Amino acid sequence: MKKAVIYIHGKGGDAGEAAHYIPLFSDCDVIGLNYAAQFPWEAKEEFPLLFDSICQNYKSVEIIANSIGAFFAMNSLSEKKIERAYFISPIVNMERLIGDMMQWANVTEEELQTKKEIETSFGETLSWEYLSYVRKNPVTWAISTYILYGEKDHLSSYETISEFAKQNNATLTVMRNGEHWFHTEEEMQFLDDWIRQVAQ
């Protein structure tokens, strides 16, 4: 019964990204979570079923979650037996992020409540249902967690991430000049070194 590492991709990603992490966890089976959920209430239905179907074959499980994948994981898997979590640029306060996006789009809460959905110029759709859901379903997370955060992350402030890390006793690592999306050669090298260091 080997250990499994489940990779949970972010928006626009896919389960195939898990292949990157195989050399970093040579003694584990690394499996990408092939999910369809686009909203947290969908993840709450889908993730536990996918997680259970993978985990029945393993003694212990860790997760790697990227961006909104981390938010979905916290929203849907907090009761599961997860030994450890590695979060890369996680969305840890969705209500704050939606509030920031409303400011960027110059949308008031009253407008959003009336219109229900508003398209923005930066490609995101603001949703009253989404905002209401995250307010009614605050995240509780008690799993041992390591966070990698890019100093120039445009979606979450350092204050938001460090506040979450303190509240949840998570270990926070900050990459100077790193962005939200870790993709350059330098960023990926930093990410790999970080995982090797914290996954021992």
Protein backbone atom coordinates (compact mmCIF):
# COMPACT_ATOMS: atom_id res chain seq x y z
CA MET A 1 0.00 0.00 0.00
CA LYS A 2 1.98 2.95 -1.28
CA LYS A 3 1.36 6.59 -0.55
CA ALA A 4 -0.66 8.66 -3.02
CA VAL A 5 -0.09 12.31 -3.86
CA ILE A 6 -3.16 13.85 -5.47
CA TYR A 7 -2.62 16.93 -7.64
CA ILE A 8 -5.50 19.43 -7.90
CA HIS A 9 -5.07 21.91 -10.75
CA GLY A 10 -6.16 25.53 -10.92
CA LYS A 11 -8.38 27.34 -13.41
CA GLY A 12 -7.48 26.51 -16.99
CA GLY A 13 -5.20 23.67 -15.86
CA ASP A 14 -5.70 19.93 -16.15
CA ALA A 15 -4.92 16.68 -14.38
CA GLY A 16 -1.99 16.05 -16.75
CA GLU A 17 0.04 18.70 -14.90
CA ALA A 18 0.50 16.06 -12.18
CA ALA A 19 3.26 14.51 -14.33
CA HIS A 20 5.58 17.37 -13.32
CA TYR A 21 5.51 16.18 -9.71
CA ILE A 22 6.26 12.48 -10.32
CA PRO A 23 10.08 12.90 -10.03
CA LEU A 24 9.62 14.92 -6.82
CA PHE A 25 7.69 12.10 -5.11
CA SER A 26 9.55 9.05 -6.38
CA ASP A 27 8.23 6.79 -3.60
CA CYS A 28 4.57 7.72 -4.21
CA ASP A 29 1.94 7.41 -6.89
CA VAL A 30 1.19 10.92 -8.17
CA ILE A 31 -2.35 11.19 -9.52
CA GLY A 32 -4.02 14.21 -11.13
CA LEU A 33 -7.58 14.84 -9.98
CA ASN A 34 -9.58 14.88 -13.19
CA TYR A 35 -12.46 17.11 -12.14
CA ALA A 36 -15.15 19.12 -13.95
CA ALA A 37 -16.33 21.41 -11.11
CA GLN A 38 -16.20 25.14 -11.78
CA PHE A 39 -17.95 26.27 -8.61
CA PRO A 40 -17.32 25.37 -4.96
CA TRP A 41 -20.74 23.75 -4.53
CA GLU A 42 -19.95 21.49 -7.51
CA ALA A 43 -16.54 20.65 -6.01
CA LYS A 44 -18.26 19.77 -2.74
CA GLU A 45 -20.23 17.08 -4.61
CA GLU A 46 -17.50 15.88 -6.96
CA PHE A 47 -14.22 16.00 -4.99
CA PRO A 48 -15.10 13.63 -2.11
CA LEU A 49 -16.22 10.94 -4.57
CA LEU A 50 -13.06 11.26 -6.69
CA PHE A 51 -10.89 11.39 -3.57
CA ASP A 52 -12.47 8.26 -2.07
CA SER A 53 -12.17 6.31 -5.33
CA ILE A 54 -8.42 7.04 -5.42
CA CYS A 55 -7.74 6.63 -1.71
CA GLN A 56 -9.25 3.20 -1.20
CA ASN A 57 -6.01 1.75 -2.62
CA TYR A 58 -3.60 3.73 -0.42
CA LYS A 59 -2.57 3.84 3.18
CA SER A 60 -1.80 7.54 3.24
CA VAL A 61 -2.55 10.51 1.01
CA GLU A 62 -1.08 13.96 0.50
CA ILE A 63 -2.35 16.67 -1.83
CA ILE A 64 -0.78 19.37 -4.00
CA ALA A 65 -3.28 22.07 -4.92
CA ASN A 66 -2.86 25.06 -7.18
CA SER A 67 -4.69 28.42 -6.98
CA ILE A 68 -8.47 27.88 -6.96
CA GLY A 69 -7.81 24.13 -6.70
CA ALA A 70 -6.66 24.82 -3.12
CA PHE A 71 -9.88 26.70 -2.37
CA PHE A 72 -11.96 23.85 -3.82
CA ALA A 73 -9.94 21.33 -1.77
CA MET A 74 -10.46 23.24 1.48
CA ASN A 75 -14.15 23.65 0.68
CA SER A 76 -14.74 19.96 -0.06
CA LEU A 77 -12.01 17.78 1.51
CA SER A 78 -11.48 19.26 4.98
CA GLU A 79 -13.00 16.18 6.65
CA LYS A 80 -10.87 13.71 4.70
CA LYS A 81 -7.81 11.93 6.02
CA ILE A 82 -5.05 13.94 4.35
CA GLU A 83 -1.59 13.64 5.84
CA ARG A 84 -0.25 16.86 4.37
CA ALA A 85 -1.12 19.57 1.84
CA TYR A 86 1.14 21.61 -0.44
CA PHE A 87 -0.60 24.76 -1.70
CA ILE A 88 0.86 26.72 -4.62
CA SER A 89 -0.50 30.30 -4.95
CA PRO A 90 -3.68 29.26 -3.13
CA ILE A 91 -6.89 31.27 -3.03
CA VAL A 92 -7.43 31.24 0.73
CA ASN A 93 -10.01 34.02 1.10
CA MET A 94 -12.50 33.85 -1.76
CA GLU A 95 -14.82 36.47 -0.30
CA ARG A 96 -11.96 38.99 -0.23
CA LEU A 97 -10.95 38.10 -3.79
CA ILE A 98 -14.51 38.57 -5.07
CA GLY A 99 -14.65 41.90 -3.22
CA ASP A 100 -11.38 42.96 -4.88
CA MET A 101 -12.70 41.96 -8.31
CA MET A 102 -15.88 43.95 -7.69
CA GLN A 103 -13.72 46.99 -6.93
CA TRP A 104 -11.62 46.44 -10.07
CA ALA A 105 -14.82 46.23 -12.13
CA ASN A 106 -16.45 49.14 -10.27
CA VAL A 107 -19.42 46.97 -9.30
CA THR A 108 -21.37 47.50 -6.07
CA GLU A 109 -22.87 44.72 -3.99
CA GLU A 110 -26.38 46.08 -4.71
CA GLU A 111 -25.73 45.91 -8.48
CA LEU A 112 -24.48 42.34 -8.23
CA GLN A 113 -27.45 41.29 -6.08
CA THR A 114 -29.86 42.82 -8.63
CA LYS A 115 -28.18 41.52 -11.80
CA LYS A 116 -27.03 38.17 -10.30
CA GLU A 117 -24.12 37.93 -12.78
CA ILE A 118 -21.86 40.62 -14.25
CA GLU A 119 -19.18 40.10 -16.90
CA THR A 120 -15.94 42.00 -16.30
CA SER A 121 -13.41 43.45 -18.72
CA PHE A 122 -10.72 41.15 -17.25
CA GLY A 123 -12.52 37.94 -18.20
CA GLU A 124 -14.13 36.95 -14.88
CA THR A 125 -17.86 36.71 -14.29
CA LEU A 126 -18.95 38.13 -10.96
CA SER A 127 -21.73 36.06 -9.42
CA TRP A 128 -24.08 36.85 -6.55
CA GLU A 129 -24.64 33.11 -6.00
CA TYR A 130 -20.87 32.57 -5.63
CA LEU A 131 -20.44 35.44 -3.17
CA SER A 132 -23.42 34.25 -1.12
CA TYR A 133 -22.07 30.68 -1.06
CA VAL A 134 -18.62 31.63 0.26
CA ARG A 135 -20.20 33.79 2.97
CA LYS A 136 -22.46 30.96 4.10
CA ASN A 137 -19.72 28.30 3.90
CA PRO A 138 -16.56 29.60 5.57
CA VAL A 139 -13.50 27.41 5.09
CA THR A 140 -12.24 25.38 8.05
CA TRP A 141 -8.92 23.64 7.49
CA ALA A 142 -6.91 21.74 10.08
CA ILE A 143 -4.56 19.75 7.84
CA SER A 144 -0.78 20.22 8.04
CA THR A 145 -0.12 22.64 5.17
CA TYR A 146 2.84 24.17 3.35
CA ILE A 147 2.20 27.24 1.20
CA LEU A 148 4.25 28.64 -1.68
CA TYR A 149 3.36 32.24 -2.52
CA GLY A 150 4.77 34.58 -5.16
CA GLU A 151 5.60 38.09 -3.93
CA LYS A 152 3.89 39.59 -7.03
CA ASP A 153 0.71 37.49 -6.80
CA HIS A 154 -2.03 39.79 -8.13
CA LEU A 155 -4.94 37.74 -6.71
CA SER A 156 -3.99 37.48 -3.03
CA SER A 157 -2.13 40.01 -0.93
CA TYR A 158 0.69 38.97 1.37
CA GLU A 159 -1.51 40.05 4.30
CA THR A 160 -4.28 37.66 3.22
CA ILE A 161 -1.89 34.72 2.82
CA SER A 162 0.04 35.35 6.04
CA GLU A 163 -3.21 35.79 8.00
CA PHE A 164 -4.41 32.40 6.71
CA ALA A 165 -1.03 30.78 7.45
CA LYS A 166 -1.09 32.08 11.04
CA GLN A 167 -4.69 30.99 11.66
CA ASN A 168 -4.04 27.50 10.29
CA ASN A 169 -0.47 26.97 11.51
CA ALA A 170 0.65 26.60 7.90
CA THR A 171 4.28 27.05 6.85
CA LEU A 172 4.58 29.93 4.37
CA THR A 173 7.37 30.34 1.82
CA VAL A 174 7.52 33.50 -0.31
CA MET A 175 9.32 33.66 -3.66
CA ARG A 176 10.70 37.12 -4.36
CA ASN A 177 9.29 38.46 -7.65
CA GLY A 178 7.24 35.26 -8.06
CA GLU A 179 3.83 35.62 -9.75
CA HIS A 180 0.50 33.94 -9.10
CA TRP A 181 1.05 31.53 -11.97
CA PHE A 182 4.34 29.70 -11.44
CA HIS A 183 5.47 28.95 -14.99
CA THR A 184 8.87 30.51 -15.81
CA GLU A 185 12.01 28.39 -15.60
CA GLU A 186 13.12 30.27 -12.48
CA GLU A 187 9.70 29.92 -10.80
CA MET A 188 9.46 26.21 -11.55
CA GLN A 189 12.97 25.63 -10.22
CA PHE A 190 12.03 27.47 -7.03
CA LEU A 191 8.83 25.40 -6.76
CA ASP A 192 10.71 22.12 -7.22
CA ASP A 193 13.34 23.06 -4.65
CA TRP A 194 10.59 24.11 -2.23
CA ILE A 195 8.78 20.78 -2.56
CA ARG A 196 11.99 18.80 -2.11
CA GLN A 197 12.72 20.76 1.05
CA VAL A 198 9.28 20.61 2.71
CA ALA A 199 8.26 17.12 1.58
CA GLN A 200 11.05 15.34 3.45
